[in-house]
Amino acid sequence: MARVCQVTGKKPLKGHYVSHSNVKTNRRFLPNLQTKRFFFAEEDRWISLKVSADAIRTINKKGLATVVKELRAKGTKI
């Protein structure tokens, strides 16, 4: 499961490099992923998640406990 955000599910997108002569060659737009450790106070332990910058903002807004509960409901092992 490389280059996929565990919270938002963001994956690489496909696009084109476009030269001056308008020749198009394939490229990938990679998500801004960070491996981040969060302290999960409810279980008194640290958890590591591979998350995008957008997902870090989501965790700050909703709270880590809510996000972990949603991930476990989807079947992700944390």
N, C-alpha and C. Protein backbone atom coordinates (compact mmCIF):
# COMPACT_ATOMS: atom_id res chain seq x y z
N MET A 1 0.83 -1.18 0.00
CA MET A 1 0.00 0.00 0.00
C MET A 1 0.89 1.25 0.00
N ALA A 2 1.76 1.34 -0.97
CA ALA A 2 2.68 2.47 -1.02
C ALA A 2 2.00 3.70 -1.61
N ARG A 3 2.40 4.86 -1.12
CA ARG A 3 1.93 6.15 -1.61
C ARG A 3 0.41 6.32 -1.58
N VAL A 4 -0.20 5.81 -0.53
CA VAL A 4 -1.65 5.98 -0.33
C VAL A 4 -1.85 6.49 1.10
N CYS A 5 -2.61 7.56 1.24
CA CYS A 5 -2.91 8.11 2.56
C CYS A 5 -3.87 7.18 3.28
N GLN A 6 -3.56 6.87 4.55
CA GLN A 6 -4.40 5.94 5.31
C GLN A 6 -5.71 6.57 5.74
N VAL A 7 -5.77 7.89 5.85
CA VAL A 7 -6.98 8.55 6.32
C VAL A 7 -7.89 8.95 5.15
N THR A 8 -7.34 9.67 4.19
CA THR A 8 -8.15 10.20 3.09
C THR A 8 -8.19 9.28 1.88
N GLY A 9 -7.23 8.37 1.76
CA GLY A 9 -7.20 7.48 0.60
C GLY A 9 -6.61 8.11 -0.65
N LYS A 10 -5.95 9.25 -0.52
CA LYS A 10 -5.36 9.92 -1.68
C LYS A 10 -4.28 9.04 -2.29
N LYS A 11 -4.28 8.97 -3.64
CA LYS A 11 -3.32 8.17 -4.40
C LYS A 11 -2.65 9.05 -5.44
N PRO A 12 -1.58 8.56 -6.08
CA PRO A 12 -0.99 9.34 -7.16
C PRO A 12 -1.96 9.51 -8.33
N LEU A 13 -1.91 10.69 -8.95
CA LEU A 13 -2.73 10.97 -10.13
C LEU A 13 -1.85 10.94 -11.36
N LYS A 14 -2.47 10.73 -12.51
CA LYS A 14 -1.75 10.67 -13.77
C LYS A 14 -1.96 11.97 -14.54
N GLY A 15 -0.92 12.43 -15.19
CA GLY A 15 -1.02 13.64 -16.00
C GLY A 15 0.05 13.64 -17.06
N HIS A 16 0.35 14.81 -17.59
CA HIS A 16 1.33 14.95 -18.67
C HIS A 16 2.33 16.04 -18.36
N TYR A 17 3.58 15.79 -18.79
CA TYR A 17 4.53 16.87 -18.96
C TYR A 17 4.20 17.45 -20.32
N VAL A 18 4.19 18.75 -20.46
CA VAL A 18 3.91 19.36 -21.75
C VAL A 18 5.10 20.23 -22.12
N SER A 19 5.77 19.87 -23.24
CA SER A 19 6.94 20.61 -23.68
C SER A 19 6.53 21.88 -24.42
N HIS A 20 7.53 22.67 -24.78
CA HIS A 20 7.28 23.90 -25.53
C HIS A 20 6.63 23.60 -26.88
N SER A 21 6.99 22.43 -27.46
CA SER A 21 6.41 22.04 -28.75
C SER A 21 5.09 21.30 -28.58
N ASN A 22 4.56 21.28 -27.35
CA ASN A 22 3.27 20.66 -27.02
C ASN A 22 3.29 19.13 -27.11
N VAL A 23 4.48 18.53 -26.99
CA VAL A 23 4.58 17.08 -26.91
C VAL A 23 4.25 16.67 -25.49
N LYS A 24 3.38 15.69 -25.33
CA LYS A 24 2.95 15.27 -24.00
C LYS A 24 3.56 13.92 -23.65
N THR A 25 4.20 13.85 -22.48
CA THR A 25 4.72 12.59 -21.96
C THR A 25 4.12 12.38 -20.58
N ASN A 26 3.97 11.13 -20.21
CA ASN A 26 3.27 10.81 -18.95
C ASN A 26 4.10 11.17 -17.73
N ARG A 27 3.41 11.54 -16.68
CA ARG A 27 4.01 11.82 -15.38
C ARG A 27 3.03 11.47 -14.29
N ARG A 28 3.50 11.47 -13.04
CA ARG A 28 2.64 11.19 -11.89
C ARG A 28 2.67 12.38 -10.94
N PHE A 29 1.51 12.71 -10.41
CA PHE A 29 1.39 13.71 -9.36
C PHE A 29 1.25 12.94 -8.05
N LEU A 30 2.27 13.00 -7.20
CA LEU A 30 2.27 12.23 -5.96
C LEU A 30 1.64 13.04 -4.83
N PRO A 31 0.88 12.39 -3.96
CA PRO A 31 0.31 13.11 -2.81
C PRO A 31 1.41 13.47 -1.81
N ASN A 32 1.17 14.50 -1.03
CA ASN A 32 2.14 14.97 -0.03
C ASN A 32 2.01 14.10 1.22
N LEU A 33 2.68 12.94 1.22
CA LEU A 33 2.56 11.98 2.32
C LEU A 33 3.67 12.16 3.34
N GLN A 34 3.31 12.02 4.59
CA GLN A 34 4.25 12.08 5.70
C GLN A 34 3.98 10.87 6.60
N THR A 35 5.05 10.25 7.10
CA THR A 35 4.88 9.22 8.13
C THR A 35 4.93 9.95 9.47
N LYS A 36 3.83 9.93 10.18
CA LYS A 36 3.68 10.75 11.37
C LYS A 36 3.27 9.89 12.55
N ARG A 37 3.85 10.16 13.71
CA ARG A 37 3.48 9.47 14.94
C ARG A 37 2.53 10.36 15.73
N PHE A 38 1.45 9.75 16.19
CA PHE A 38 0.47 10.45 17.02
C PHE A 38 0.36 9.71 18.34
N PHE A 39 0.19 10.46 19.43
CA PHE A 39 -0.02 9.82 20.73
C PHE A 39 -1.52 9.61 20.90
N PHE A 40 -1.91 8.35 20.98
CA PHE A 40 -3.32 7.98 21.12
C PHE A 40 -3.61 7.82 22.61
N ALA A 41 -4.14 8.87 23.23
CA ALA A 41 -4.31 8.93 24.69
C ALA A 41 -5.30 7.88 25.21
N GLU A 42 -6.33 7.54 24.42
CA GLU A 42 -7.32 6.57 24.87
C GLU A 42 -6.71 5.19 25.14
N GLU A 43 -5.69 4.82 24.38
CA GLU A 43 -5.02 3.53 24.57
C GLU A 43 -3.63 3.71 25.18
N ASP A 44 -3.24 4.94 25.48
CA ASP A 44 -1.96 5.27 26.10
C ASP A 44 -0.78 4.69 25.31
N ARG A 45 -0.76 4.95 23.99
CA ARG A 45 0.33 4.47 23.14
C ARG A 45 0.50 5.38 21.93
N TRP A 46 1.63 5.22 21.25
CA TRP A 46 1.90 5.96 20.02
C TRP A 46 1.46 5.11 18.83
N ILE A 47 0.89 5.77 17.81
CA ILE A 47 0.55 5.07 16.56
C ILE A 47 1.20 5.83 15.41
N SER A 48 1.68 5.08 14.42
CA SER A 48 2.29 5.67 13.23
C SER A 48 1.32 5.54 12.08
N LEU A 49 1.10 6.64 11.38
CA LEU A 49 0.21 6.65 10.23
C LEU A 49 0.93 7.30 9.06
N LYS A 50 0.68 6.78 7.85
CA LYS A 50 1.17 7.43 6.64
C LYS A 50 0.02 8.30 6.14
N VAL A 51 0.14 9.61 6.35
CA VAL A 51 -0.96 10.53 6.08
C VAL A 51 -0.51 11.68 5.19
N SER A 52 -1.47 12.23 4.46
CA SER A 52 -1.20 13.42 3.66
C SER A 52 -1.30 14.65 4.56
N ALA A 53 -0.82 15.77 4.05
CA ALA A 53 -0.89 17.03 4.80
C ALA A 53 -2.35 17.38 5.06
N ASP A 54 -3.22 17.08 4.12
CA ASP A 54 -4.65 17.32 4.28
C ASP A 54 -5.23 16.47 5.42
N ALA A 55 -4.74 15.24 5.54
CA ALA A 55 -5.22 14.35 6.60
C ALA A 55 -4.76 14.82 7.97
N ILE A 56 -3.58 15.43 8.05
CA ILE A 56 -3.11 15.96 9.33
C ILE A 56 -4.05 17.07 9.79
N ARG A 57 -4.50 17.90 8.86
CA ARG A 57 -5.46 18.95 9.21
C ARG A 57 -6.80 18.35 9.64
N THR A 58 -7.20 17.26 8.99
CA THR A 58 -8.44 16.57 9.36
C THR A 58 -8.35 16.02 10.78
N ILE A 59 -7.20 15.43 11.12
CA ILE A 59 -7.00 14.88 12.46
C ILE A 59 -7.02 16.00 13.50
N ASN A 60 -6.43 17.15 13.17
CA ASN A 60 -6.47 18.29 14.10
C ASN A 60 -7.89 18.79 14.30
N LYS A 61 -8.71 18.74 13.25
CA LYS A 61 -10.07 19.26 13.33
C LYS A 61 -11.02 18.29 14.05
N LYS A 62 -11.03 17.03 13.64
CA LYS A 62 -11.97 16.05 14.20
C LYS A 62 -11.49 15.43 15.50
N GLY A 63 -10.18 15.30 15.64
CA GLY A 63 -9.60 14.61 16.79
C GLY A 63 -9.13 13.22 16.38
N LEU A 64 -8.05 12.79 17.00
CA LEU A 64 -7.46 11.50 16.65
C LEU A 64 -8.39 10.33 16.97
N ALA A 65 -9.11 10.39 18.08
CA ALA A 65 -9.99 9.28 18.47
C ALA A 65 -11.08 9.05 17.44
N THR A 66 -11.66 10.13 16.91
CA THR A 66 -12.71 10.00 15.89
C THR A 66 -12.16 9.40 14.62
N VAL A 67 -10.99 9.86 14.20
CA VAL A 67 -10.38 9.37 12.96
C VAL A 67 -10.02 7.88 13.09
N VAL A 68 -9.46 7.50 14.23
CA VAL A 68 -9.09 6.09 14.45
C VAL A 68 -10.35 5.22 14.47
N LYS A 69 -11.41 5.71 15.07
CA LYS A 69 -12.67 4.96 15.09
C LYS A 69 -13.21 4.73 13.68
N GLU A 70 -13.13 5.77 12.83
CA GLU A 70 -13.57 5.64 11.43
C GLU A 70 -12.69 4.66 10.66
N LEU A 71 -11.37 4.71 10.90
CA LEU A 71 -10.46 3.79 10.21
C LEU A 71 -10.74 2.34 10.61
N ARG A 72 -10.97 2.11 11.90
CA ARG A 72 -11.27 0.75 12.36
C ARG A 72 -12.60 0.26 11.83
N ALA A 73 -13.55 1.16 11.63
CA ALA A 73 -14.84 0.77 11.04
C ALA A 73 -14.66 0.33 9.60
N LYS A 74 -13.69 0.93 8.90
CA LYS A 74 -13.39 0.54 7.51
C LYS A 74 -12.61 -0.76 7.45
N GLY A 75 -12.03 -1.18 8.58
CA GLY A 75 -11.29 -2.43 8.61
C GLY A 75 -9.78 -2.26 8.60
N THR A 76 -9.27 -1.05 8.76
CA THR A 76 -7.84 -0.81 8.79
C THR A 76 -7.29 -1.20 10.16
N LYS A 77 -6.21 -1.95 10.18
CA LYS A 77 -5.60 -2.37 11.44
C LYS A 77 -4.67 -1.26 11.94
N ILE A 78 -4.93 -0.82 13.17
CA ILE A 78 -4.10 0.24 13.78
C ILE A 78 -3.63 -0.23 15.13
